[in-house]
PDB file of N, CA and C in Angstrom:
ATOM      1  N   MET A   1      -5.380 -14.621 -12.831  1.00  0.00           N
ATOM      2  CA  MET A   1      -4.374 -15.722 -12.558  1.00  0.00           C
ATOM      3  C   MET A   1      -2.933 -15.418 -13.612  1.00  0.00           C
ATOM      4  N   TYR A   2      -1.814 -15.047 -13.294  1.00  0.00           N
ATOM      5  CA  TYR A   2      -0.485 -14.469 -13.678  1.00  0.00           C
ATOM      6  C   TYR A   2      -0.461 -14.881 -15.313  1.00  0.00           C
ATOM      7  N   SER A   3      -0.756 -16.694 -14.904  1.00  0.00           N
ATOM      8  CA  SER A   3      -0.067 -17.050 -16.466  1.00  0.00           C
ATOM      9  C   SER A   3      -1.196 -16.914 -17.328  1.00  0.00           C
ATOM     10  N   GLN A   4      -2.421 -16.351 -16.911  1.00  0.00           N
ATOM     11  CA  GLN A   4      -3.076 -16.028 -18.086  1.00  0.00           C
ATOM     12  C   GLN A   4      -3.579 -14.940 -18.743  1.00  0.00           C
ATOM     13  N   ARG A   5      -2.834 -14.028 -18.582  1.00  0.00           N
ATOM     14  CA  ARG A   5      -2.842 -12.358 -18.343  1.00  0.00           C
ATOM     15  C   ARG A   5      -2.990 -12.573 -20.418  1.00  0.00           C
ATOM     16  N   PHE A   6      -3.387 -11.601 -21.036  1.00  0.00           N
ATOM     17  CA  PHE A   6      -4.079 -11.478 -22.082  1.00  0.00           C
ATOM     18  C   PHE A   6      -2.777 -11.201 -23.022  1.00  0.00           C
ATOM     19  N   TRP A   7      -1.634 -10.199 -22.492  1.00  0.00           N
ATOM     20  CA  TRP A   7      -1.078  -9.498 -23.556  1.00  0.00           C
ATOM     21  C   TRP A   7       0.119 -10.901 -24.019  1.00  0.00           C
ATOM     22  N   LYS A   8       0.193 -12.013 -22.662  1.00  0.00           N
ATOM     23  CA  LYS A   8       1.351 -12.336 -23.047  1.00  0.00           C
ATOM     24  C   LYS A   8       1.903 -13.714 -24.594  1.00  0.00           C
ATOM     25  N   LYS A   9      -0.337 -13.664 -25.448  1.00  0.00           N
ATOM     26  CA  LYS A   9      -0.641 -14.015 -26.181  1.00  0.00           C
ATOM     27  C   LYS A   9      -0.009 -13.588 -27.682  1.00  0.00           C
ATOM     28  N   ASN A  10       0.890 -12.224 -27.423  1.00  0.00           N
ATOM     29  CA  ASN A  10       0.841 -11.423 -28.378  1.00  0.00           C
ATOM     30  C   ASN A  10       2.337 -11.293 -28.510  1.00  0.00           C
ATOM     31  N   TRP A  11       2.904 -11.320 -27.811  1.00  0.00           N
ATOM     32  CA  TRP A  11       4.641 -11.686 -27.364  1.00  0.00           C
ATOM     33  C   TRP A  11       5.273 -12.801 -28.678  1.00  0.00           C
ATOM     34  N   ASP A  12       6.265 -12.215 -29.230  1.00  0.00           N
ATOM     35  CA  ASP A  12       6.877 -12.660 -30.174  1.00  0.00           C
ATOM     36  C   ASP A  12       7.674 -14.043 -29.113  1.00  0.00           C
ATOM     37  N   GLU A  13       7.862 -15.205 -30.425  1.00  0.00           N
ATOM     38  CA  GLU A  13       8.432 -16.203 -30.117  1.00  0.00           C
ATOM     39  C   GLU A  13       9.902 -16.329 -29.259  1.00  0.00           C
ATOM     40  N   GLY A  14       9.796 -16.858 -28.260  1.00  0.00           N
ATOM     41  CA  GLY A  14      10.910 -17.572 -27.873  1.00  0.00           C
ATOM     42  C   GLY A  14      11.257 -15.770 -26.252  1.00  0.00           C
ATOM     43  N   VAL A  15       9.893 -14.707 -26.810  1.00  0.00           N
ATOM     44  CA  VAL A  15      10.364 -13.945 -25.588  1.00  0.00           C
ATOM     45  C   VAL A  15       9.666 -14.737 -24.075  1.00  0.00           C
ATOM     46  N   THR A  16      10.575 -13.874 -22.824  1.00  0.00           N
ATOM     47  CA  THR A  16      10.351 -15.172 -21.917  1.00  0.00           C
ATOM     48  C   THR A  16       9.376 -13.669 -20.858  1.00  0.00           C
ATOM     49  N   ASP A  17       8.673 -14.232 -19.920  1.00  0.00           N
ATOM     50  CA  ASP A  17       8.548 -13.569 -18.952  1.00  0.00           C
ATOM     51  C   ASP A  17       9.386 -13.672 -17.710  1.00  0.00           C
ATOM     52  N   ILE A  18       8.857 -13.121 -16.924  1.00  0.00           N
ATOM     53  CA  ILE A  18       9.824 -12.250 -15.648  1.00  0.00           C
ATOM     54  C   ILE A  18       9.079 -13.517 -14.558  1.00  0.00           C
ATOM     55  N   ASP A  19       9.896 -13.808 -13.834  1.00  0.00           N
ATOM     56  CA  ASP A  19       9.380 -14.443 -12.509  1.00  0.00           C
ATOM     57  C   ASP A  19       8.549 -13.983 -11.624  1.00  0.00           C
ATOM     58  N   PRO A  20       7.203 -14.114 -11.363  1.00  0.00           N
ATOM     59  CA  PRO A  20       6.295 -12.694 -10.678  1.00  0.00           C
ATOM     60  C   PRO A  20       6.480 -13.210  -8.927  1.00  0.00           C
ATOM     61  N   GLU A  21       7.279 -14.411  -8.925  1.00  0.00           N
ATOM     62  CA  GLU A  21       7.844 -14.375  -7.545  1.00  0.00           C
ATOM     63  C   GLU A  21       8.417 -13.036  -7.086  1.00  0.00           C
ATOM     64  N   GLU A  22       9.370 -13.382  -7.914  1.00  0.00           N
ATOM     65  CA  GLU A  22      10.475 -12.368  -7.452  1.00  0.00           C
ATOM     66  C   GLU A  22      10.466 -10.822  -7.826  1.00  0.00           C
ATOM     67  N   PHE A  23       9.504 -10.455  -8.795  1.00  0.00           N
ATOM     68  CA  PHE A  23       9.153  -9.164  -8.989  1.00  0.00           C
ATOM     69  C   PHE A  23       7.450  -8.668  -8.037  1.00  0.00           C
ATOM     70  N   GLU A  24       6.570  -9.248  -7.911  1.00  0.00           N
ATOM     71  CA  GLU A  24       5.479  -8.977  -7.396  1.00  0.00           C
ATOM     72  C   GLU A  24       5.973  -8.872  -6.219  1.00  0.00           C
ATOM     73  N   LYS A  25       5.227  -7.649  -5.241  1.00  0.00           N
ATOM     74  CA  LYS A  25       5.044  -7.213  -4.307  1.00  0.00           C
ATOM     75  C   LYS A  25       4.182  -6.347  -3.433  1.00  0.00           C
ATOM     76  N   THR A  26       4.206  -6.746  -2.404  1.00  0.00           N
ATOM     77  CA  THR A  26       2.521  -5.902  -1.898  1.00  0.00           C
ATOM     78  C   THR A  26       3.077  -4.669  -1.797  1.00  0.00           C
ATOM     79  N   TYR A  27       2.240  -3.738  -1.546  1.00  0.00           N
ATOM     80  CA  TYR A  27       2.226  -2.544  -1.281  1.00  0.00           C
ATOM     81  C   TYR A  27       3.599  -2.001  -0.294  1.00  0.00           C
ATOM     82  N   ASN A  28       3.138  -2.562   0.638  1.00  0.00           N
ATOM     83  CA  ASN A  28       3.531  -2.591   2.381  1.00  0.00           C
ATOM     84  C   ASN A  28       5.018  -3.109   2.347  1.00  0.00           C
ATOM     85  N   GLU A  29       5.128  -4.019   1.197  1.00  0.00           N
ATOM     86  CA  GLU A  29       6.759  -4.732   1.465  1.00  0.00           C
ATOM     87  C   GLU A  29       7.794  -3.354   0.082  1.00  0.00           C
ATOM     88  N   ILE A  30       7.285  -2.895  -0.533  1.00  0.00           N
ATOM     89  CA  ILE A  30       7.541  -1.686  -1.195  1.00  0.00           C
ATOM     90  C   ILE A  30       7.854  -0.267  -0.662  1.00  0.00           C
ATOM     91  N   ILE A  31       7.085   0.203   0.521  1.00  0.00           N
ATOM     92  CA  ILE A  31       6.776   1.129   1.276  1.00  0.00           C
ATOM     93  C   ILE A  31       7.516   1.284   2.658  1.00  0.00           C
ATOM     94  N   GLN A  32       7.765  -0.335   3.102  1.00  0.00           N
ATOM     95  CA  GLN A  32       8.347  -0.615   4.218  1.00  0.00           C
ATOM     96  C   GLN A  32       9.593  -0.069   4.759  1.00  0.00           C
ATOM     97  N   PRO A  33      10.590  -0.062   3.536  1.00  0.00           N
ATOM     98  CA  PRO A  33      11.873   0.825   3.964  1.00  0.00           C
ATOM     99  C   PRO A  33      11.766   1.928   3.533  1.00  0.00           C
ATOM    100  N   ALA A  34      11.014   2.657   3.775  1.00  0.00           N
ATOM    101  CA  ALA A  34      10.909   4.073   3.948  1.00  0.00           C
ATOM    102  C   ALA A  34      10.976   4.585   5.373  1.00  0.00           C
ATOM    103  N   PHE A  35       9.916   3.834   5.741  1.00  0.00           N
ATOM    104  CA  PHE A  35       9.579   3.572   7.444  1.00  0.00           C
ATOM    105  C   PHE A  35      10.463   3.301   8.016  1.00  0.00           C
ATOM    106  N   ASP A  36      11.669   2.389   7.306  1.00  0.00           N
ATOM    107  CA  ASP A  36      12.660   2.101   8.773  1.00  0.00           C
ATOM    108  C   ASP A  36      13.366   3.036   8.101  1.00  0.00           C
ATOM    109  N   ASP A  37      13.962   3.433   7.300  1.00  0.00           N
ATOM    110  CA  ASP A  37      15.184   4.826   6.868  1.00  0.00           C
ATOM    111  C   ASP A  37      15.127   5.916   7.850  1.00  0.00           C
ATOM    112  N   PHE A  38      13.735   6.256   7.419  1.00  0.00           N
ATOM    113  CA  PHE A  38      13.256   7.610   7.528  1.00  0.00           C
ATOM    114  C   PHE A  38      12.138   8.031   8.791  1.00  0.00           C
ATOM    115  N   PRO A  39      12.666   7.147   9.878  1.00  0.00           N
ATOM    116  CA  PRO A  39      11.357   7.108  10.764  1.00  0.00           C
ATOM    117  C   PRO A  39      10.764   8.841  11.627  1.00  0.00           C
ATOM    118  N   ASP A  40      11.799   9.608  11.599  1.00  0.00           N
ATOM    119  CA  ASP A  40      11.482  10.893  11.846  1.00  0.00           C
ATOM    120  C   ASP A  40      10.909  11.777  10.847  1.00  0.00           C
ATOM    121  N   ASN A  41      11.620  11.430   9.605  1.00  0.00           N
ATOM    122  CA  ASN A  41      10.983  12.451   8.635  1.00  0.00           C
ATOM    123  C   ASN A  41       9.338  12.479   8.192  1.00  0.00           C
ATOM    124  N   VAL A  42       9.308  13.532   7.662  1.00  0.00           N
ATOM    125  CA  VAL A  42       7.845  13.849   7.854  1.00  0.00           C
ATOM    126  C   VAL A  42       6.970  13.134   6.560  1.00  0.00           C
ATOM    127  N   ALA A  43       6.422  12.103   6.560  1.00  0.00           N
ATOM    128  CA  ALA A  43       5.431  11.129   5.845  1.00  0.00           C
ATOM    129  C   ALA A  43       4.284  12.256   4.816  1.00  0.00           C
ATOM    130  N   PHE A  44       3.802  12.842   5.556  1.00  0.00           N
ATOM    131  CA  PHE A  44       3.330  13.977   5.228  1.00  0.00           C
ATOM    132  C   PHE A  44       2.413  15.073   5.761  1.00  0.00           C
ATOM    133  N   SER A  45       1.972  16.660   5.196  1.00  0.00           N
ATOM    134  CA  SER A  45       1.490  17.464   6.044  1.00  0.00           C
ATOM    135  C   SER A  45       0.051  17.992   5.557  1.00  0.00           C
ATOM    136  N   TYR A  46      -0.498  18.703   6.557  1.00  0.00           N
ATOM    137  CA  TYR A  46      -1.691  18.877   6.363  1.00  0.00           C
ATOM    138  C   TYR A  46      -2.252  20.089   6.763  1.00  0.00           C
ATOM    139  N   ILE A  47      -2.328  21.349   6.119  1.00  0.00           N
ATOM    140  CA  ILE A  47      -2.315  22.515   6.732  1.00  0.00           C
ATOM    141  C   ILE A  47      -1.277  22.149   8.178  1.00  0.00           C
ATOM    142  N   ASP A  48      -1.858  22.225   9.671  1.00  0.00           N
ATOM    143  CA  ASP A  48      -0.906  22.310  10.819  1.00  0.00           C
ATOM    144  C   ASP A  48      -0.603  21.182  11.004  1.00  0.00           C
ATOM    145  N   VAL A  49      -0.804  19.970  10.707  1.00  0.00           N
ATOM    146  CA  VAL A  49      -0.349  18.594  11.358  1.00  0.00           C
ATOM    147  C   VAL A  49       0.467  18.129  10.193  1.00  0.00           C
ATOM    148  N   GLU A  50       1.697  17.512  11.081  1.00  0.00           N
ATOM    149  CA  GLU A  50       2.690  16.676  10.478  1.00  0.00           C
ATOM    150  C   GLU A  50       2.795  15.500  10.838  1.00  0.00           C
ATOM    151  N   VAL A  51       3.166  14.476  10.242  1.00  0.00           N
ATOM    152  CA  VAL A  51       3.102  12.969  11.037  1.00  0.00           C
ATOM    153  C   VAL A  51       4.212  12.286  10.155  1.00  0.00           C
ATOM    154  N   THR A  52       5.453  11.678  11.251  1.00  0.00           N
ATOM    155  CA  THR A  52       6.105  11.430  10.681  1.00  0.00           C
ATOM    156  C   THR A  52       5.949   9.792  10.526  1.00  0.00           C
ATOM    157  N   TYR A  53       6.595   9.306   9.367  1.00  0.00           N
ATOM    158  CA  TYR A  53       7.042   7.932   8.894  1.00  0.00           C
ATOM    159  C   TYR A  53       6.654   6.969  10.069  1.00  0.00           C
ATOM    160  N   ALA A  54       7.563   7.288  11.415  1.00  0.00           N
ATOM    161  CA  ALA A  54       7.455   6.243  12.438  1.00  0.00           C
ATOM    162  C   ALA A  54       5.956   6.527  12.873  1.00  0.00           C
ATOM    163  N   GLU A  55       4.915   7.833  13.339  1.00  0.00           N
ATOM    164  CA  GLU A  55       3.607   7.926  13.475  1.00  0.00           C
ATOM    165  C   GLU A  55       2.457   7.095  12.302  1.00  0.00           C
ATOM    166  N   LEU A  56       2.713   7.192  11.069  1.00  0.00           N
ATOM    167  CA  LEU A  56       2.088   6.629  10.327  1.00  0.00           C
ATOM    168  C   LEU A  56       1.856   5.520  10.365  1.00  0.00           C
ATOM    169  N   ASP A  57       3.406   4.762  10.326  1.00  0.00           N
ATOM    170  CA  ASP A  57       3.402   3.249  10.538  1.00  0.00           C
ATOM    171  C   ASP A  57       2.631   2.836  11.440  1.00  0.00           C
ATOM    172  N   LYS A  58       2.248   3.307  13.140  1.00  0.00           N
ATOM    173  CA  LYS A  58       1.424   3.074  13.870  1.00  0.00           C
ATOM    174  C   LYS A  58       0.053   3.079  13.556  1.00  0.00           C
ATOM    175  N   TYR A  59       0.066   4.394  13.011  1.00  0.00           N
ATOM    176  CA  TYR A  59      -1.905   4.499  13.074  1.00  0.00           C
ATOM    177  C   TYR A  59      -1.821   3.780  12.054  1.00  0.00           C
ATOM    178  N   ALA A  60      -1.429   3.277  11.358  1.00  0.00           N
ATOM    179  CA  ALA A  60      -1.689   2.076  10.068  1.00  0.00           C
ATOM    180  C   ALA A  60      -1.406   0.757  10.547  1.00  0.00           C
ATOM    181  N   ASN A  61      -0.854   0.564  10.899  1.00  0.00           N
ATOM    182  CA  ASN A  61      -0.804  -1.066  12.438  1.00  0.00           C
ATOM    183  C   ASN A  61      -2.237  -1.060  13.204  1.00  0.00           C
ATOM    184  N   GLN A  62      -2.450   0.328  13.849  1.00  0.00           N
ATOM    185  CA  GLN A  62      -3.950   0.287  14.613  1.00  0.00           C
ATOM    186  C   GLN A  62      -4.927   0.157  13.791  1.00  0.00           C
ATOM    187  N   PHE A  63      -4.958   0.651  12.359  1.00  0.00           N
ATOM    188  CA  PHE A  63      -5.964   0.187  11.623  1.00  0.00           C
ATOM    189  C   PHE A  63      -6.274  -1.340  11.234  1.00  0.00           C
ATOM    190  N   ALA A  64      -5.444  -1.597  11.074  1.00  0.00           N
ATOM    191  CA  ALA A  64      -4.735  -2.971  10.397  1.00  0.00           C
ATOM    192  C   ALA A  64      -5.535  -4.069  11.579  1.00  0.00           C
ATOM    193  N   ASN A  65      -4.715  -3.810  12.826  1.00  0.00           N
ATOM    194  CA  ASN A  65      -5.071  -4.665  13.340  1.00  0.00           C
ATOM    195  C   ASN A  65      -6.743  -4.122  14.242  1.00  0.00           C
ATOM    196  N   MET A  66      -7.451  -3.056  13.987  1.00  0.00           N
ATOM    197  CA  MET A  66      -8.632  -2.842  14.201  1.00  0.00           C
ATOM    198  C   MET A  66      -9.671  -3.571  13.153  1.00  0.00           C
ATOM    199  N   LEU A  67      -9.299  -3.645  12.113  1.00  0.00           N
ATOM    200  CA  LEU A  67      -9.670  -4.772  10.666  1.00  0.00           C
ATOM    201  C   LEU A  67      -9.782  -6.337  11.135  1.00  0.00           C
ATOM    202  N   ILE A  68      -8.489  -6.881  11.261  1.00  0.00           N
ATOM    203  CA  ILE A  68      -8.208  -8.028  11.915  1.00  0.00           C
ATOM    204  C   ILE A  68      -9.218  -8.503  12.727  1.00  0.00           C
ATOM    205  N   GLY A  69      -9.514  -7.384  14.127  1.00  0.00           N
ATOM    206  CA  GLY A  69     -10.106  -7.600  15.251  1.00  0.00           C
ATOM    207  C   GLY A  69     -11.638  -7.771  15.040  1.00  0.00           C
ATOM    208  N   ASN A  70     -12.344  -7.523  13.910  1.00  0.00           N
ATOM    209  CA  ASN A  70     -13.335  -7.297  13.677  1.00  0.00           C
ATOM    210  C   ASN A  70     -13.841  -8.432  12.259  1.00  0.00           C
ATOM    211  N   GLY A  71     -13.045  -9.190  12.352  1.00  0.00           N
ATOM    212  CA  GLY A  71     -13.066 -10.465  11.344  1.00  0.00           C
ATOM    213  C   GLY A  71     -12.279  -9.955   9.779  1.00  0.00           C
ATOM    214  N   PHE A  72     -11.953  -8.825   9.184  1.00  0.00           N
ATOM    215  CA  PHE A  72     -11.720  -8.953   8.262  1.00  0.00           C
ATOM    216  C   PHE A  72     -10.005  -9.777   7.909  1.00  0.00           C
ATOM    217  N   GLN A  73     -10.312 -10.318   6.382  1.00  0.00           N
ATOM    218  CA  GLN A  73      -9.145 -11.388   6.303  1.00  0.00           C
ATOM    219  C   GLN A  73      -8.639 -10.268   5.551  1.00  0.00           C
ATOM    220  N   LYS A  74      -7.163 -11.053   4.679  1.00  0.00           N
ATOM    221  CA  LYS A  74      -6.550 -11.112   3.725  1.00  0.00           C
ATOM    222  C   LYS A  74      -7.125 -11.141   2.439  1.00  0.00           C
ATOM    223  N   GLY A  75      -7.473  -9.983   1.558  1.00  0.00           N
ATOM    224  CA  GLY A  75      -8.109 -10.488   0.257  1.00  0.00           C
ATOM    225  C   GLY A  75      -9.583  -9.539   0.654  1.00  0.00           C
ATOM    226  N   ASP A  76      -9.858  -9.187   1.449  1.00  0.00           N
ATOM    227  CA  ASP A  76     -11.251  -9.183   1.817  1.00  0.00           C
ATOM    228  C   ASP A  76     -10.793  -7.153   1.205  1.00  0.00           C
ATOM    229  N   ILE A  77     -12.494  -6.885   0.870  1.00  0.00           N
ATOM    230  CA  ILE A  77     -12.174  -5.653   0.195  1.00  0.00           C
ATOM    231  C   ILE A  77     -13.015  -4.605   1.353  1.00  0.00           C
ATOM    232  N   ILE A  78     -12.254  -3.645   1.881  1.00  0.00           N
ATOM    233  CA  ILE A  78     -13.342  -2.303   2.683  1.00  0.00           C
ATOM    234  C   ILE A  78     -13.229  -1.404   1.641  1.00  0.00           C
ATOM    235  N   GLY A  79     -13.985  -0.490   2.239  1.00  0.00           N
ATOM    236  CA  GLY A  79     -14.353   1.044   1.484  1.00  0.00           C
ATOM    237  C   GLY A  79     -14.025   2.088   2.792  1.00  0.00           C
ATOM    238  N   ILE A  80     -13.709   2.993   2.587  1.00  0.00           N
ATOM    239  CA  ILE A  80     -13.283   3.772   3.175  1.00  0.00           C
ATOM    240  C   ILE A  80     -13.992   5.379   3.417  1.00  0.00           C
ATOM    241  N   ASN A  81     -15.085   5.980   4.001  1.00  0.00           N
ATOM    242  CA  ASN A  81     -15.676   7.331   3.632  1.00  0.00           C
ATOM    243  C   ASN A  81     -15.077   7.960   4.805  1.00  0.00           C
ATOM    244  N   LEU A  82     -14.439   9.345   4.486  1.00  0.00           N
ATOM    245  CA  LEU A  82     -14.155  10.810   4.432  1.00  0.00           C
ATOM    246  C   LEU A  82     -14.758  11.298   4.471  1.00  0.00           C
ATOM    247  N   PRO A  83     -15.038  12.282   5.508  1.00  0.00           N
ATOM    248  CA  PRO A  83     -15.394  13.178   5.254  1.00  0.00           C
ATOM    249  C   PRO A  83     -14.851  14.597   4.357  1.00  0.00           C
ATOM    250  N   GLN A  84     -15.736  15.366   3.663  1.00  0.00           N
ATOM    251  CA  GLN A  84     -15.044  16.115   2.282  1.00  0.00           C
ATOM    252  C   GLN A  84     -14.619  17.509   3.343  1.00  0.00           C
ATOM    253  N   ILE A  85     -13.792  17.820   3.100  1.00  0.00           N
ATOM    254  CA  ILE A  85     -12.927  18.952   3.825  1.00  0.00           C
ATOM    255  C   ILE A  85     -12.837  20.333   2.850  1.00  0.00           C
ATOM    256  N   CYS A  86     -13.480  21.308   3.684  1.00  0.00           N
ATOM    257  CA  CYS A  86     -13.584  22.557   2.921  1.00  0.00           C
ATOM    258  C   CYS A  86     -12.695  23.696   3.680  1.00  0.00           C
ATOM    259  N   LEU A  87     -11.745  24.030   2.696  1.00  0.00           N
ATOM    260  CA  LEU A  87     -11.047  25.010   2.849  1.00  0.00           C
ATOM    261  C   LEU A  87     -11.136  26.017   2.975  1.00  0.00           C
ATOM    262  N   ASN A  88     -10.946  26.754   3.812  1.00  0.00           N
ATOM    263  CA  ASN A  88     -11.019  28.658   3.450  1.00  0.00           C
ATOM    264  C   ASN A  88     -10.186  29.668   3.971  1.00  0.00           C
ATOM    265  N   ILE A  89      -8.802  29.330   2.773  1.00  0.00           N
ATOM    266  CA  ILE A  89      -7.993  29.622   3.014  1.00  0.00           C
ATOM    267  C   ILE A  89      -7.820  31.110   2.156  1.00  0.00           C
TER     268      ILE A  89
END
């Protein structure tokens, strides 16, 4: 819980904390403006594959909907296992 963060006990008297409701955001809330403002820009490229922000947003939503459709809920922990890629460059 935010109010029990250990470092607060070491603060000088009179020091106040920020309002966590104002500054704590989800990862999605932080990056969504880039998806909205630059949909046609390349979000990342790997070898000969380029993915735009619009495409990445679409794939991320498909993945999230698949998880929801399989019973996952907000706060659940998932693991993602990807194959190791060997590059012979």
